[in-house]
Structures are given as structure tokens and as C-alpha cells.
């Protein structure tokens, strides 16, 4: 009976050469990619520097460009 490095298991126990560390690496890589895609996708709808329709409406009313009735009607439509 030999007690070498592989003890008869060969690479089968190591998962084709990857082992536990390789498995952890791939899991972390996939999780990182999913989180990156989620972050980038969420940022598409949230554009900084652009005002919402309600903010524009409030400014128009504050400047006197629209009447109170028109403001209330459009505000109701937006909400």
C-alpha cells in the first residue's frame, strides 16, 4: 500500500484541478457579475441632473407660468 500525494484519488477529489478554492472563485465571480449588472441596470432609470415632472410643475407654478387650478389638475394627473 502506498501513501503518496494522491492516495489513489487522482484529480477526482480535486474536481478536475479546481478544488474548493476554484469553486469559491467561480461563485464569487458570478455573484460579482450579477451585482454589477444589477447596479448598472438600476442606474439607467435614475438619471442625475434631470428633474422630475413634478419638480418642473412646481417651478412653473412658482414662476407664475400656470394658474393654481392648472397646477392642481396637472399635479393630480402626475400622482
N, C-alpha and C. Protein backbone atom coordinates (compact mmCIF):
# COMPACT_ATOMS: atom_id res chain seq x y z
N UNK A 1 0.85 -1.17 0.00
CA UNK A 1 0.00 0.00 0.00
C UNK A 1 0.90 1.24 0.00
N UNK A 2 0.60 2.16 -0.90
CA UNK A 2 1.43 3.36 -0.98
C UNK A 2 0.68 4.54 -0.39
N UNK A 3 1.43 5.41 0.23
CA UNK A 3 0.85 6.61 0.80
C UNK A 3 1.44 7.84 0.11
N UNK A 4 1.15 7.97 -1.16
CA UNK A 4 1.68 9.09 -1.93
C UNK A 4 0.77 10.30 -1.79
N UNK A 5 1.04 11.28 -2.62
CA UNK A 5 0.28 12.52 -2.56
C UNK A 5 -1.18 12.32 -2.95
N UNK A 6 -1.45 11.40 -3.89
CA UNK A 6 -2.80 11.26 -4.39
C UNK A 6 -3.57 10.14 -3.71
N UNK A 7 -2.92 9.19 -3.13
CA UNK A 7 -3.56 8.06 -2.45
C UNK A 7 -4.63 7.39 -3.30
N UNK A 8 -4.44 7.35 -4.60
CA UNK A 8 -5.38 6.66 -5.45
C UNK A 8 -6.57 7.48 -5.88
N UNK A 9 -6.71 8.68 -5.38
CA UNK A 9 -7.86 9.50 -5.75
C UNK A 9 -7.62 10.29 -7.04
N UNK A 10 -6.42 10.53 -7.37
CA UNK A 10 -6.11 11.30 -8.58
C UNK A 10 -6.68 12.70 -8.48
N UNK A 11 -7.15 13.20 -9.60
CA UNK A 11 -7.72 14.54 -9.61
C UNK A 11 -9.23 14.52 -9.36
N UNK A 12 -9.81 13.34 -9.21
CA UNK A 12 -11.25 13.25 -8.99
C UNK A 12 -11.68 13.97 -7.72
N UNK A 13 -10.90 13.89 -6.69
CA UNK A 13 -11.25 14.54 -5.44
C UNK A 13 -11.08 16.05 -5.53
N UNK A 14 -10.25 16.51 -6.44
CA UNK A 14 -9.99 17.94 -6.58
C UNK A 14 -10.96 18.61 -7.55
N UNK A 15 -11.87 17.88 -8.13
CA UNK A 15 -12.84 18.47 -9.05
C UNK A 15 -12.20 18.89 -10.36
N UNK A 16 -11.34 18.09 -10.89
CA UNK A 16 -10.72 18.41 -12.16
C UNK A 16 -9.62 19.45 -12.03
N UNK A 17 -9.06 19.62 -10.88
CA UNK A 17 -7.97 20.56 -10.70
C UNK A 17 -8.40 21.88 -10.08
N UNK A 18 -9.70 22.11 -9.94
CA UNK A 18 -10.18 23.37 -9.36
C UNK A 18 -10.15 23.34 -7.84
N UNK A 19 -10.68 22.32 -7.27
CA UNK A 19 -10.73 22.22 -5.83
C UNK A 19 -11.70 23.22 -5.22
N UNK A 20 -11.67 23.32 -3.93
CA UNK A 20 -12.58 24.21 -3.20
C UNK A 20 -12.30 25.67 -3.54
N UNK A 21 -11.05 26.05 -3.64
CA UNK A 21 -10.71 27.44 -3.94
C UNK A 21 -11.20 27.85 -5.33
N UNK A 22 -11.10 26.93 -6.28
CA UNK A 22 -11.59 27.21 -7.62
C UNK A 22 -13.10 27.39 -7.63
N UNK A 23 -13.79 26.55 -6.88
CA UNK A 23 -15.24 26.65 -6.77
C UNK A 23 -15.65 27.98 -6.13
N UNK A 24 -14.98 28.35 -5.06
CA UNK A 24 -15.26 29.63 -4.40
C UNK A 24 -14.99 30.80 -5.35
N UNK A 25 -13.90 30.70 -6.11
CA UNK A 25 -13.58 31.75 -7.07
C UNK A 25 -14.71 31.95 -8.07
N UNK A 26 -15.21 30.85 -8.66
CA UNK A 26 -16.27 30.96 -9.67
C UNK A 26 -17.58 31.46 -9.06
N UNK A 27 -17.89 31.03 -7.86
CA UNK A 27 -19.11 31.51 -7.20
C UNK A 27 -19.02 33.01 -6.95
N UNK A 28 -17.87 33.48 -6.43
CA UNK A 28 -17.69 34.91 -6.19
C UNK A 28 -17.70 35.71 -7.48
N UNK A 29 -17.12 35.15 -8.54
CA UNK A 29 -17.12 35.83 -9.83
C UNK A 29 -18.54 35.99 -10.37
N UNK A 30 -19.33 34.95 -10.28
CA UNK A 30 -20.71 35.02 -10.76
C UNK A 30 -21.53 36.00 -9.92
N UNK A 31 -21.38 35.95 -8.61
CA UNK A 31 -22.09 36.89 -7.73
C UNK A 31 -21.68 38.32 -8.05
N UNK A 32 -20.40 38.55 -8.25
CA UNK A 32 -19.92 39.89 -8.59
C UNK A 32 -20.49 40.39 -9.90
N UNK A 33 -20.55 39.53 -10.90
CA UNK A 33 -21.12 39.93 -12.19
C UNK A 33 -22.61 40.25 -12.07
N UNK A 34 -23.33 39.43 -11.32
CA UNK A 34 -24.76 39.69 -11.11
C UNK A 34 -24.97 41.03 -10.42
N UNK A 35 -24.19 41.30 -9.38
CA UNK A 35 -24.33 42.57 -8.67
C UNK A 35 -23.95 43.76 -9.55
N UNK A 36 -22.92 43.61 -10.38
CA UNK A 36 -22.51 44.67 -11.29
C UNK A 36 -23.61 44.96 -12.31
N UNK A 37 -24.18 43.93 -12.88
CA UNK A 37 -25.26 44.12 -13.85
C UNK A 37 -26.47 44.75 -13.18
N UNK A 38 -26.80 44.32 -11.98
CA UNK A 38 -27.93 44.89 -11.23
C UNK A 38 -27.69 46.37 -10.95
N UNK A 39 -26.47 46.72 -10.54
CA UNK A 39 -26.12 48.11 -10.25
C UNK A 39 -26.22 48.98 -11.51
N UNK A 40 -25.67 48.47 -12.60
CA UNK A 40 -25.70 49.24 -13.85
C UNK A 40 -27.12 49.37 -14.38
N UNK A 41 -27.92 48.31 -14.26
CA UNK A 41 -29.29 48.34 -14.76
C UNK A 41 -30.13 49.32 -13.93
N UNK A 42 -29.94 49.35 -12.63
CA UNK A 42 -30.70 50.25 -11.75
C UNK A 42 -30.33 51.70 -12.03
N UNK A 43 -29.10 51.96 -12.42
CA UNK A 43 -28.65 53.32 -12.68
C UNK A 43 -29.20 53.91 -13.95
N UNK A 44 -29.73 53.07 -14.84
CA UNK A 44 -30.24 53.56 -16.12
C UNK A 44 -31.45 54.47 -15.93
N UNK A 45 -32.35 54.12 -15.02
CA UNK A 45 -33.57 54.90 -14.84
C UNK A 45 -33.39 56.08 -13.90
N UNK A 46 -32.29 56.12 -13.20
CA UNK A 46 -32.06 57.16 -12.20
C UNK A 46 -31.01 58.13 -12.73
N UNK A 47 -31.44 59.01 -13.60
CA UNK A 47 -30.50 59.95 -14.21
C UNK A 47 -30.37 61.19 -13.34
N UNK A 48 -29.17 61.43 -12.91
CA UNK A 48 -28.93 62.61 -12.08
C UNK A 48 -28.86 63.84 -12.97
N UNK A 49 -29.35 64.94 -12.46
CA UNK A 49 -29.32 66.17 -13.23
C UNK A 49 -30.62 66.42 -13.97
N UNK A 50 -31.47 65.41 -14.08
CA UNK A 50 -32.76 65.59 -14.72
C UNK A 50 -33.81 65.76 -13.65
N UNK A 51 -34.69 66.72 -13.89
CA UNK A 51 -35.75 66.98 -12.93
C UNK A 51 -36.95 66.09 -13.22
N UNK A 52 -37.69 65.78 -12.16
CA UNK A 52 -38.91 65.02 -12.35
C UNK A 52 -39.99 65.97 -12.87
N UNK A 53 -41.05 65.39 -13.40
CA UNK A 53 -42.15 66.20 -13.94
C UNK A 53 -42.78 67.05 -12.85
N UNK A 54 -42.87 66.50 -11.64
CA UNK A 54 -43.46 67.24 -10.53
C UNK A 54 -42.60 68.44 -10.14
N UNK A 55 -41.28 68.28 -10.18
CA UNK A 55 -40.39 69.40 -9.87
C UNK A 55 -40.53 70.51 -10.92
N UNK A 56 -40.64 70.15 -12.17
CA UNK A 56 -40.82 71.14 -13.23
C UNK A 56 -42.15 71.85 -13.05
N UNK A 57 -43.18 71.09 -12.72
CA UNK A 57 -44.51 71.68 -12.50
C UNK A 57 -44.47 72.67 -11.33
N UNK A 58 -43.80 72.30 -10.25
CA UNK A 58 -43.69 73.19 -9.09
C UNK A 58 -42.97 74.49 -9.47
N UNK A 59 -41.94 74.39 -10.26
CA UNK A 59 -41.20 75.59 -10.68
C UNK A 59 -42.05 76.48 -11.57
N UNK A 60 -42.81 75.87 -12.47
CA UNK A 60 -43.68 76.67 -13.35
C UNK A 60 -44.73 77.41 -12.54
N UNK A 61 -45.28 76.74 -11.54
CA UNK A 61 -46.28 77.38 -10.69
C UNK A 61 -45.65 78.50 -9.86
N UNK A 62 -44.44 78.24 -9.35
CA UNK A 62 -43.74 79.25 -8.55
C UNK A 62 -43.40 80.49 -9.38
N UNK A 63 -43.11 80.31 -10.66
CA UNK A 63 -42.79 81.44 -11.54
C UNK A 63 -44.03 82.15 -12.05
N UNK A 64 -45.20 81.56 -11.79
CA UNK A 64 -46.44 82.17 -12.25
C UNK A 64 -46.80 81.84 -13.69
N UNK A 65 -46.20 80.83 -14.24
CA UNK A 65 -46.48 80.45 -15.62
C UNK A 65 -47.80 79.72 -15.77
N UNK A 66 -48.27 79.09 -14.69
CA UNK A 66 -49.55 78.40 -14.72
C UNK A 66 -50.38 78.82 -13.52
N UNK A 67 -51.71 78.71 -13.65
CA UNK A 67 -52.62 79.09 -12.55
C UNK A 67 -52.67 77.97 -11.51
N UNK A 68 -53.29 78.32 -10.37
CA UNK A 68 -53.41 77.34 -9.30
C UNK A 68 -54.27 76.15 -9.75
N UNK A 69 -55.35 76.45 -10.46
CA UNK A 69 -56.24 75.38 -10.94
C UNK A 69 -55.49 74.43 -11.89
N UNK A 70 -54.72 75.02 -12.81
CA UNK A 70 -53.95 74.22 -13.76
C UNK A 70 -52.88 73.40 -13.03
N UNK A 71 -52.26 74.02 -12.02
CA UNK A 71 -51.26 73.33 -11.22
C UNK A 71 -51.86 72.12 -10.52
N UNK A 72 -53.01 72.34 -9.86
CA UNK A 72 -53.65 71.25 -9.11
C UNK A 72 -54.09 70.12 -10.05
N UNK A 73 -54.60 70.48 -11.22
CA UNK A 73 -55.05 69.48 -12.19
C UNK A 73 -53.87 68.63 -12.70
N UNK A 74 -52.78 69.30 -13.05
CA UNK A 74 -51.61 68.58 -13.57
C UNK A 74 -50.93 67.76 -12.47
N UNK A 75 -50.93 68.31 -11.26
CA UNK A 75 -50.35 67.59 -10.13
C UNK A 75 -51.13 66.31 -9.86
N UNK A 76 -52.45 66.40 -9.95
CA UNK A 76 -53.30 65.22 -9.75
C UNK A 76 -53.02 64.19 -10.85
N UNK A 77 -52.83 64.64 -12.08
CA UNK A 77 -52.53 63.74 -13.19
C UNK A 77 -51.19 63.02 -12.99
N UNK A 78 -50.22 63.73 -12.44
CA UNK A 78 -48.88 63.15 -12.24
C UNK A 78 -48.85 62.14 -11.11
N UNK A 79 -49.71 62.34 -10.13
CA UNK A 79 -49.69 61.42 -8.97
C UNK A 79 -50.68 60.36 -9.21
